[in-house]
Amino acid sequence: RCECSSDFYGNRCEKRRSLILIDLNFADQTTALVSVMQFCDVIRRAFEILIQDQQLIRGLPSRVSCNHPSDVMPIIGILKTHANLIDWKYWIVY
């Protein structure tokens, strides 16, 4: 079995990962101590959200990225920010 670099996957590292790169531009003065970015797929029959990749980010990100090991990229992204323990904000990224 091959040891693949971060850009490839497969038995012989023959498949290239799909790169998702998103620049974020917030119109309001949003601040955050920590953010969680989730890239997800949706099972339509069950209305179930499957997290494919999750990242914990200090502060508010200006850019998020994901190297997804599939030809089909996750259908939706969810960005959750925390300004403190009780103030949460959610954004849908697609």
Protein backbone atom coordinates (compact mmCIF):
# COMPACT_ATOMS: atom_id res chain seq x y z
CA ARG A 1 0.00 0.00 0.00
CA CYS A 2 1.29 3.47 -0.93
CA GLU A 3 1.88 6.35 1.46
CA CYS A 4 0.08 9.17 -0.36
CA SER A 5 0.82 12.88 -0.18
CA SER A 6 -2.01 15.11 1.07
CA ASP A 7 -3.17 15.87 -2.51
CA PHE A 8 -3.75 12.23 -3.55
CA TYR A 9 -5.51 9.07 -2.38
CA GLY A 10 -6.25 5.53 -3.58
CA ASN A 11 -4.42 2.19 -3.51
CA ARG A 12 -1.65 3.57 -5.72
CA CYS A 13 -2.15 7.28 -4.99
CA GLU A 14 -3.69 7.54 -8.45
CA LYS A 15 -6.66 9.71 -7.48
CA ARG A 16 -6.35 13.44 -6.88
CA ARG A 17 -8.35 14.92 -4.01
CA SER A 18 -10.95 17.58 -4.78
CA LEU A 19 -9.80 20.92 -3.40
CA ILE A 20 -12.40 23.17 -1.81
CA LEU A 21 -11.17 26.71 -1.16
CA ILE A 22 -13.55 29.39 0.12
CA ASP A 23 -12.74 33.03 0.87
CA LEU A 24 -15.05 34.43 3.56
CA ASN A 25 -16.09 38.08 3.65
CA PHE A 26 -18.27 39.12 6.58
CA ALA A 27 -20.33 42.28 6.07
CA ASP A 28 -20.93 42.85 9.78
CA GLN A 29 -18.34 43.25 12.51
CA THR A 30 -18.44 39.58 13.52
CA THR A 31 -15.90 38.53 16.11
CA ALA A 32 -15.15 35.03 17.31
CA LEU A 33 -12.87 33.35 19.78
CA VAL A 34 -13.19 30.06 17.94
CA SER A 35 -14.87 28.78 14.76
CA VAL A 36 -15.83 25.31 13.58
CA MET A 37 -16.07 24.62 9.83
CA GLN A 38 -17.86 21.47 8.72
CA PHE A 39 -18.07 20.19 5.13
CA CYS A 40 -21.09 17.89 4.84
CA ASP A 41 -23.06 15.59 2.58
CA VAL A 42 -26.81 15.08 2.90
CA ILE A 43 -28.65 11.75 2.68
CA ARG A 44 -31.89 12.95 1.13
CA ARG A 45 -34.05 9.97 2.03
CA ALA A 46 -33.28 10.29 5.74
CA PHE A 47 -32.57 14.06 5.78
CA GLU A 48 -29.34 13.16 7.56
CA ILE A 49 -26.25 15.39 7.49
CA LEU A 50 -22.95 13.51 7.30
CA ILE A 51 -19.83 15.45 8.31
CA GLN A 52 -17.05 14.69 5.82
CA ASP A 53 -14.47 17.11 7.25
CA GLN A 54 -14.40 19.26 10.38
CA GLN A 55 -11.90 21.95 11.33
CA LEU A 56 -11.44 23.86 14.56
CA ILE A 57 -10.10 27.36 13.88
CA ARG A 58 -8.90 29.97 16.37
CA GLY A 59 -10.73 33.24 15.75
CA LEU A 60 -12.73 34.07 12.64
CA PRO A 61 -11.31 32.60 9.42
CA SER A 62 -10.90 34.66 6.27
CA ARG A 63 -10.39 31.47 4.20
CA VAL A 64 -11.29 27.81 4.69
CA SER A 65 -10.15 24.84 2.65
CA CYS A 66 -10.57 21.09 2.43
CA ASN A 67 -8.88 18.35 0.38
CA HIS A 68 -11.81 15.97 -0.09
CA PRO A 69 -10.98 12.35 -1.05
CA SER A 70 -13.68 11.92 -3.67
CA ASP A 71 -14.72 13.02 -7.13
CA VAL A 72 -17.91 14.41 -5.61
CA MET A 73 -17.44 17.31 -3.21
CA PRO A 74 -19.54 17.82 -0.07
CA ILE A 75 -22.78 19.56 -0.91
CA ILE A 76 -22.88 22.02 1.99
CA GLY A 77 -20.68 23.73 4.55
CA ILE A 78 -21.62 24.88 8.02
CA LEU A 79 -19.57 27.55 9.78
CA LYS A 80 -20.25 27.94 13.50
CA THR A 81 -18.57 30.76 15.43
CA HIS A 82 -18.36 31.32 19.17
CA ALA A 83 -17.76 34.81 20.58
CA ASN A 84 -18.17 33.38 24.09
CA LEU A 85 -19.81 30.36 25.73
CA ILE A 86 -23.37 31.52 25.03
CA ASP A 87 -23.13 33.62 21.84
CA TRP A 88 -23.09 31.30 18.80
CA LYS A 89 -23.60 32.19 15.15
CA TYR A 90 -24.16 29.84 12.21
CA TRP A 91 -23.59 30.34 8.48
CA ILE A 92 -24.52 28.02 5.65
CA VAL A 93 -21.79 27.82 2.98
CA TYR A 94 -22.56 26.26 -0.40
